[in-house]
C-alpha cells in the first residue's frame, strides 16, 4: 500500500462505525416496513373473517338429517 491509500486506525474505526450505522438503519427500516405490512394484512384478514362469519350466520338454514332406512348402509 502506498501512503496515500493507508487509513489511520481512527479513520478505519470511524468508517466501520458509519457502515454499521447505515446497516442498522436499513435493518430498522425493513423491520418497520414488514411490521406495517403485517398489521395491514392482519386487519384485512380479520375484516374478511368477520364479514364471512356474519354472512354465514345470516344465511344459515337448518339442515335436515337424512333418515336411515333399515338395510341401507
PDB file of N, CA and C in Angstrom:
ATOM      1  N   UNK A   1       0.824  -1.185   0.000  1.00  0.00           N
ATOM      2  CA  UNK A   1       0.000   0.000   0.000  1.00  0.00           C
ATOM      3  C   UNK A   1       0.865   1.245   0.000  1.00  0.00           C
ATOM      4  N   UNK A   2       0.393   2.195  -0.708  1.00  0.00           N
ATOM      5  CA  UNK A   2       1.118   3.465  -0.672  1.00  0.00           C
ATOM      6  C   UNK A   2       0.607   4.283   0.497  1.00  0.00           C
ATOM      7  N   UNK A   3       1.348   5.281   0.833  1.00  0.00           N
ATOM      8  CA  UNK A   3       0.999   6.116   1.964  1.00  0.00           C
ATOM      9  C   UNK A   3      -0.355   6.798   1.769  1.00  0.00           C
ATOM     10  N   UNK A   4      -0.706   7.146   0.540  1.00  0.00           N
ATOM     11  CA  UNK A   4      -1.967   7.834   0.271  1.00  0.00           C
ATOM     12  C   UNK A   4      -3.176   6.922   0.498  1.00  0.00           C
ATOM     13  N   UNK A   5      -3.004   5.612   0.303  1.00  0.00           N
ATOM     14  CA  UNK A   5      -4.122   4.685   0.430  1.00  0.00           C
ATOM     15  C   UNK A   5      -4.302   4.169   1.847  1.00  0.00           C
ATOM     16  N   UNK A   6      -3.338   4.393   2.686  1.00  0.00           N
ATOM     17  CA  UNK A   6      -3.432   3.902   4.054  1.00  0.00           C
ATOM     18  C   UNK A   6      -4.375   4.787   4.864  1.00  0.00           C
ATOM     19  N   UNK A   7      -5.126   4.134   5.704  1.00  0.00           N
ATOM     20  CA  UNK A   7      -6.012   4.864   6.593  1.00  0.00           C
ATOM     21  C   UNK A   7      -5.518   4.693   8.015  1.00  0.00           C
ATOM     22  N   UNK A   8      -5.685   5.709   8.777  1.00  0.00           N
ATOM     23  CA  UNK A   8      -5.276   5.601  10.178  1.00  0.00           C
ATOM     24  C   UNK A   8      -6.264   4.702  10.900  1.00  0.00           C
ATOM     25  N   UNK A   9      -5.869   4.236  12.031  1.00  0.00           N
ATOM     26  CA  UNK A   9      -6.707   3.365  12.832  1.00  0.00           C
ATOM     27  C   UNK A   9      -8.020   4.062  13.192  1.00  0.00           C
ATOM     28  N   UNK A  10      -7.942   5.316  13.541  1.00  0.00           N
ATOM     29  CA  UNK A  10      -9.160   6.041  13.898  1.00  0.00           C
ATOM     30  C   UNK A  10     -10.070   6.235  12.693  1.00  0.00           C
ATOM     31  N   UNK A  11      -9.483   6.433  11.515  1.00  0.00           N
ATOM     32  CA  UNK A  11     -10.291   6.591  10.300  1.00  0.00           C
ATOM     33  C   UNK A  11     -10.992   5.282   9.944  1.00  0.00           C
ATOM     34  N   UNK A  12     -10.265   4.154  10.049  1.00  0.00           N
ATOM     35  CA  UNK A  12     -10.884   2.853   9.786  1.00  0.00           C
ATOM     36  C   UNK A  12     -12.016   2.586  10.771  1.00  0.00           C
ATOM     37  N   UNK A  13     -11.793   2.929  12.028  1.00  0.00           N
ATOM     38  CA  UNK A  13     -12.817   2.743  13.053  1.00  0.00           C
ATOM     39  C   UNK A  13     -14.037   3.604  12.742  1.00  0.00           C
ATOM     40  N   UNK A  14     -13.818   4.846  12.343  1.00  0.00           N
ATOM     41  CA  UNK A  14     -14.915   5.737  12.002  1.00  0.00           C
ATOM     42  C   UNK A  14     -15.712   5.202  10.814  1.00  0.00           C
ATOM     43  N   UNK A  15     -15.007   4.720   9.780  1.00  0.00           N
ATOM     44  CA  UNK A  15     -15.689   4.166   8.611  1.00  0.00           C
ATOM     45  C   UNK A  15     -16.493   2.922   8.978  1.00  0.00           C
ATOM     46  N   UNK A  16     -15.917   2.081   9.827  1.00  0.00           N
ATOM     47  CA  UNK A  16     -16.623   0.879  10.267  1.00  0.00           C
ATOM     48  C   UNK A  16     -17.886   1.256  11.034  1.00  0.00           C
ATOM     49  N   UNK A  17     -17.788   2.220  11.930  1.00  0.00           N
ATOM     50  CA  UNK A  17     -18.944   2.660  12.706  1.00  0.00           C
ATOM     51  C   UNK A  17     -20.027   3.249  11.797  1.00  0.00           C
ATOM     52  N   UNK A  18     -19.617   4.010  10.788  1.00  0.00           N
ATOM     53  CA  UNK A  18     -20.585   4.562   9.844  1.00  0.00           C
ATOM     54  C   UNK A  18     -21.268   3.454   9.051  1.00  0.00           C
ATOM     55  N   UNK A  19     -20.499   2.472   8.645  1.00  0.00           N
ATOM     56  CA  UNK A  19     -21.060   1.343   7.901  1.00  0.00           C
ATOM     57  C   UNK A  19     -22.065   0.574   8.755  1.00  0.00           C
ATOM     58  N   UNK A  20     -21.719   0.365   9.999  1.00  0.00           N
ATOM     59  CA  UNK A  20     -22.624  -0.337  10.914  1.00  0.00           C
ATOM     60  C   UNK A  20     -23.899   0.478  11.128  1.00  0.00           C
ATOM     61  N   UNK A  21     -23.750   1.786  11.286  1.00  0.00           N
ATOM     62  CA  UNK A  21     -24.908   2.653  11.485  1.00  0.00           C
ATOM     63  C   UNK A  21     -25.837   2.607  10.272  1.00  0.00           C
ATOM     64  N   UNK A  22     -25.277   2.625   9.054  1.00  0.00           N
ATOM     65  CA  UNK A  22     -26.097   2.538   7.843  1.00  0.00           C
ATOM     66  C   UNK A  22     -26.818   1.197   7.763  1.00  0.00           C
ATOM     67  N   UNK A  23     -26.107   0.125   8.104  1.00  0.00           N
ATOM     68  CA  UNK A  23     -26.718  -1.211   8.066  1.00  0.00           C
ATOM     69  C   UNK A  23     -27.849  -1.312   9.088  1.00  0.00           C
ATOM     70  N   UNK A  24     -27.642  -0.768  10.272  1.00  0.00           N
ATOM     71  CA  UNK A  24     -28.683  -0.814  11.297  1.00  0.00           C
ATOM     72  C   UNK A  24     -29.897   0.008  10.872  1.00  0.00           C
ATOM     73  N   UNK A  25     -29.682   1.124  10.220  1.00  0.00           N
ATOM     74  CA  UNK A  25     -30.799   1.947   9.742  1.00  0.00           C
ATOM     75  C   UNK A  25     -31.600   1.204   8.683  1.00  0.00           C
ATOM     76  N   UNK A  26     -30.914   0.524   7.760  1.00  0.00           N
ATOM     77  CA  UNK A  26     -31.611  -0.289   6.755  1.00  0.00           C
ATOM     78  C   UNK A  26     -32.400  -1.403   7.430  1.00  0.00           C
ATOM     79  N   UNK A  27     -31.785  -2.047   8.412  1.00  0.00           N
ATOM     80  CA  UNK A  27     -32.450  -3.128   9.146  1.00  0.00           C
ATOM     81  C   UNK A  27     -33.714  -2.601   9.825  1.00  0.00           C
ATOM     82  N   UNK A  28     -33.621  -1.464  10.495  1.00  0.00           N
ATOM     83  CA  UNK A  28     -34.789  -0.890  11.181  1.00  0.00           C
ATOM     84  C   UNK A  28     -35.885  -0.519  10.186  1.00  0.00           C
ATOM     85  N   UNK A  29     -35.498   0.068   9.061  1.00  0.00           N
ATOM     86  CA  UNK A  29     -36.486   0.440   8.044  1.00  0.00           C
ATOM     87  C   UNK A  29     -37.183  -0.794   7.478  1.00  0.00           C
ATOM     88  N   UNK A  30     -36.423  -1.839   7.183  1.00  0.00           N
ATOM     89  CA  UNK A  30     -37.006  -3.073   6.666  1.00  0.00           C
ATOM     90  C   UNK A  30     -37.943  -3.695   7.701  1.00  0.00           C
ATOM     91  N   UNK A  31     -37.513  -3.719   8.962  1.00  0.00           N
ATOM     92  CA  UNK A  31     -38.325  -4.291  10.024  1.00  0.00           C
ATOM     93  C   UNK A  31     -39.639  -3.528  10.167  1.00  0.00           C
ATOM     94  N   UNK A  32     -39.575  -2.221  10.129  1.00  0.00           N
ATOM     95  CA  UNK A  32     -40.775  -1.396  10.263  1.00  0.00           C
ATOM     96  C   UNK A  32     -41.714  -1.624   9.078  1.00  0.00           C
ATOM     97  N   UNK A  33     -41.172  -1.745   7.881  1.00  0.00           N
ATOM     98  CA  UNK A  33     -42.000  -1.994   6.697  1.00  0.00           C
ATOM     99  C   UNK A  33     -42.710  -3.345   6.808  1.00  0.00           C
ATOM    100  N   UNK A  34     -42.001  -4.354   7.266  1.00  0.00           N
ATOM    101  CA  UNK A  34     -42.606  -5.681   7.437  1.00  0.00           C
ATOM    102  C   UNK A  34     -43.696  -5.621   8.503  1.00  0.00           C
ATOM    103  N   UNK A  35     -43.436  -4.919   9.603  1.00  0.00           N
ATOM    104  CA  UNK A  35     -44.417  -4.822  10.675  1.00  0.00           C
ATOM    105  C   UNK A  35     -45.673  -4.092  10.200  1.00  0.00           C
ATOM    106  N   UNK A  36     -45.509  -3.016   9.456  1.00  0.00           N
ATOM    107  CA  UNK A  36     -46.670  -2.291   8.935  1.00  0.00           C
ATOM    108  C   UNK A  36     -47.465  -3.138   7.952  1.00  0.00           C
ATOM    109  N   UNK A  37     -46.777  -3.858   7.088  1.00  0.00           N
ATOM    110  CA  UNK A  37     -47.457  -4.707   6.115  1.00  0.00           C
ATOM    111  C   UNK A  37     -48.206  -5.837   6.826  1.00  0.00           C
ATOM    112  N   UNK A  38     -47.590  -6.425   7.840  1.00  0.00           N
ATOM    113  CA  UNK A  38     -48.241  -7.489   8.596  1.00  0.00           C
ATOM    114  C   UNK A  38     -49.503  -6.978   9.276  1.00  0.00           C
ATOM    115  N   UNK A  39     -49.434  -5.791   9.844  1.00  0.00           N
ATOM    116  CA  UNK A  39     -50.598  -5.198  10.508  1.00  0.00           C
ATOM    117  C   UNK A  39     -51.718  -4.939   9.494  1.00  0.00           C
ATOM    118  N   UNK A  40     -51.354  -4.449   8.319  1.00  0.00           N
ATOM    119  CA  UNK A  40     -52.353  -4.185   7.275  1.00  0.00           C
ATOM    120  C   UNK A  40     -53.016  -5.486   6.822  1.00  0.00           C
ATOM    121  N   UNK A  41     -52.216  -6.525   6.599  1.00  0.00           N
ATOM    122  CA  UNK A  41     -52.764  -7.808   6.168  1.00  0.00           C
ATOM    123  C   UNK A  41     -53.624  -8.445   7.263  1.00  0.00           C
ATOM    124  N   UNK A  42     -53.195  -8.326   8.521  1.00  0.00           N
ATOM    125  CA  UNK A  42     -53.962  -8.873   9.642  1.00  0.00           C
ATOM    126  C   UNK A  42     -55.329  -8.202   9.728  1.00  0.00           C
ATOM    127  N   UNK A  43     -55.350  -6.879   9.585  1.00  0.00           N
ATOM    128  CA  UNK A  43     -56.617  -6.139   9.639  1.00  0.00           C
ATOM    129  C   UNK A  43     -57.537  -6.560   8.496  1.00  0.00           C
ATOM    130  N   UNK A  44     -56.978  -6.727   7.320  1.00  0.00           N
ATOM    131  CA  UNK A  44     -57.790  -7.151   6.169  1.00  0.00           C
ATOM    132  C   UNK A  44     -58.329  -8.557   6.390  1.00  0.00           C
ATOM    133  N   UNK A  45     -57.512  -9.454   6.902  1.00  0.00           N
ATOM    134  CA  UNK A  45     -57.949 -10.825   7.155  1.00  0.00           C
ATOM    135  C   UNK A  45     -59.051 -10.853   8.213  1.00  0.00           C
ATOM    136  N   UNK A  46     -58.871 -10.091   9.301  1.00  0.00           N
ATOM    137  CA  UNK A  46     -59.875 -10.070  10.359  1.00  0.00           C
ATOM    138  C   UNK A  46     -61.194  -9.483   9.858  1.00  0.00           C
ATOM    139  N   UNK A  47     -61.123  -8.467   9.019  1.00  0.00           N
ATOM    140  CA  UNK A  47     -62.340  -7.889   8.452  1.00  0.00           C
ATOM    141  C   UNK A  47     -63.049  -8.904   7.559  1.00  0.00           C
ATOM    142  N   UNK A  48     -62.296  -9.622   6.768  1.00  0.00           N
ATOM    143  CA  UNK A  48     -62.879 -10.636   5.895  1.00  0.00           C
ATOM    144  C   UNK A  48     -63.494 -11.761   6.713  1.00  0.00           C
ATOM    145  N   UNK A  49     -62.795 -12.195   7.759  1.00  0.00           N
ATOM    146  CA  UNK A  49     -63.335 -13.262   8.611  1.00  0.00           C
ATOM    147  C   UNK A  49     -64.620 -12.808   9.299  1.00  0.00           C
ATOM    148  N   UNK A  50     -64.663 -11.560   9.771  1.00  0.00           N
ATOM    149  CA  UNK A  50     -65.861 -11.036  10.420  1.00  0.00           C
ATOM    150  C   UNK A  50     -67.017 -10.960   9.419  1.00  0.00           C
ATOM    151  N   UNK A  51     -66.708 -10.521   8.199  1.00  0.00           N
ATOM    152  CA  UNK A  51     -67.745 -10.449   7.162  1.00  0.00           C
ATOM    153  C   UNK A  51     -68.268 -11.837   6.830  1.00  0.00           C
ATOM    154  N   UNK A  52     -67.371 -12.792   6.682  1.00  0.00           N
ATOM    155  CA  UNK A  52     -67.781 -14.158   6.371  1.00  0.00           C
ATOM    156  C   UNK A  52     -68.581 -14.766   7.510  1.00  0.00           C
ATOM    157  N   UNK A  53     -68.202 -14.489   8.748  1.00  0.00           N
ATOM    158  CA  UNK A  53     -68.919 -15.034   9.895  1.00  0.00           C
ATOM    159  C   UNK A  53     -70.327 -14.464   9.960  1.00  0.00           C
ATOM    160  N   UNK A  54     -70.485 -13.166   9.733  1.00  0.00           N
ATOM    161  CA  UNK A  54     -71.821 -12.561   9.781  1.00  0.00           C
ATOM    162  C   UNK A  54     -72.675 -13.036   8.613  1.00  0.00           C
ATOM    163  N   UNK A  55     -72.100 -13.205   7.460  1.00  0.00           N
ATOM    164  CA  UNK A  55     -72.828 -13.690   6.295  1.00  0.00           C
ATOM    165  C   UNK A  55     -73.244 -15.135   6.503  1.00  0.00           C
ATOM    166  N   UNK A  56     -72.359 -15.921   7.063  1.00  0.00           N
ATOM    167  CA  UNK A  56     -72.640 -17.342   7.290  1.00  0.00           C
ATOM    168  C   UNK A  56     -73.789 -17.501   8.281  1.00  0.00           C
ATOM    169  N   UNK A  57     -73.801 -16.736   9.353  1.00  0.00           N
ATOM    170  CA  UNK A  57     -74.853 -16.840  10.364  1.00  0.00           C
ATOM    171  C   UNK A  57     -76.182 -16.365   9.787  1.00  0.00           C
ATOM    172  N   UNK A  58     -76.177 -15.293   9.017  1.00  0.00           N
ATOM    173  CA  UNK A  58     -77.407 -14.742   8.468  1.00  0.00           C
ATOM    174  C   UNK A  58     -78.023 -15.653   7.416  1.00  0.00           C
ATOM    175  N   UNK A  59     -77.222 -16.343   6.643  1.00  0.00           N
ATOM    176  CA  UNK A  59     -77.754 -17.158   5.559  1.00  0.00           C
ATOM    177  C   UNK A  59     -77.891 -18.621   5.940  1.00  0.00           C
ATOM    178  N   UNK A  60     -77.638 -18.930   7.176  1.00  0.00           N
ATOM    179  CA  UNK A  60     -77.671 -20.328   7.603  1.00  0.00           C
ATOM    180  C   UNK A  60     -79.109 -20.828   7.657  1.00  0.00           C
ATOM    181  N   UNK A  61     -79.338 -21.941   7.011  1.00  0.00           N
ATOM    182  CA  UNK A  61     -80.653 -22.570   7.041  1.00  0.00           C
ATOM    183  C   UNK A  61     -80.528 -23.897   7.755  1.00  0.00           C
ATOM    184  N   UNK A  62     -81.580 -24.330   8.402  1.00  0.00           N
ATOM    185  CA  UNK A  62     -81.496 -25.610   9.110  1.00  0.00           C
ATOM    186  C   UNK A  62     -81.240 -26.754   8.123  1.00  0.00           C
ATOM    187  N   UNK A  63     -80.453 -27.668   8.546  1.00  0.00           N
ATOM    188  CA  UNK A  63     -80.113 -28.816   7.712  1.00  0.00           C
ATOM    189  C   UNK A  63     -80.926 -30.008   8.196  1.00  0.00           C
ATOM    190  N   UNK A  64     -81.623 -30.630   7.269  1.00  0.00           N
ATOM    191  CA  UNK A  64     -82.400 -31.816   7.631  1.00  0.00           C
ATOM    192  C   UNK A  64     -81.507 -33.022   7.542  1.00  0.00           C
ATOM    193  N   UNK A  65     -81.566 -33.827   8.552  1.00  0.00           N
ATOM    194  CA  UNK A  65     -80.786 -35.062   8.547  1.00  0.00           C
ATOM    195  C   UNK A  65     -81.540 -36.119   7.764  1.00  0.00           C
ATOM    196  N   UNK A  66     -80.811 -36.850   6.965  1.00  0.00           N
ATOM    197  CA  UNK A  66     -81.434 -37.921   6.190  1.00  0.00           C
ATOM    198  C   UNK A  66     -81.749 -39.079   7.130  1.00  0.00           C
ATOM    199  N   UNK A  67     -82.900 -39.674   6.912  1.00  0.00           N
ATOM    200  CA  UNK A  67     -83.279 -40.826   7.741  1.00  0.00           C
ATOM    201  C   UNK A  67     -82.601 -42.063   7.193  1.00  0.00           C
ATOM    202  N   UNK A  68     -82.145 -42.856   8.097  1.00  0.00           N
ATOM    203  CA  UNK A  68     -81.587 -44.144   7.693  1.00  0.00           C
ATOM    204  C   UNK A  68     -82.712 -45.151   7.619  1.00  0.00           C
ATOM    205  N   UNK A  69     -82.731 -45.875   6.594  1.00  0.00           N
ATOM    206  CA  UNK A  69     -83.720 -46.937   6.467  1.00  0.00           C
ATOM    207  C   UNK A  69     -83.023 -48.239   6.746  1.00  0.00           C
ATOM    208  N   UNK A  70     -83.755 -49.178   7.210  1.00  0.00           N
ATOM    209  CA  UNK A  70     -83.171 -50.471   7.548  1.00  0.00           C
ATOM    210  C   UNK A  70     -82.594 -51.124   6.295  1.00  0.00           C
ATOM    211  N   UNK A  71     -81.400 -51.638   6.431  1.00  0.00           N
ATOM    212  CA  UNK A  71     -80.790 -52.377   5.349  1.00  0.00           C
ATOM    213  C   UNK A  71     -79.898 -51.563   4.425  1.00  0.00           C
ATOM    214  N   UNK A  72     -79.902 -50.268   4.532  1.00  0.00           N
ATOM    215  CA  UNK A  72     -79.034 -49.494   3.673  1.00  0.00           C
ATOM    216  C   UNK A  72     -77.931 -48.888   4.510  1.00  0.00           C
ATOM    217  N   UNK A  73     -76.763 -49.282   4.185  1.00  0.00           N
ATOM    218  CA  UNK A  73     -75.602 -48.763   4.920  1.00  0.00           C
ATOM    219  C   UNK A  73     -74.598 -48.185   3.979  1.00  0.00           C
TER     220      UNK A  73
END
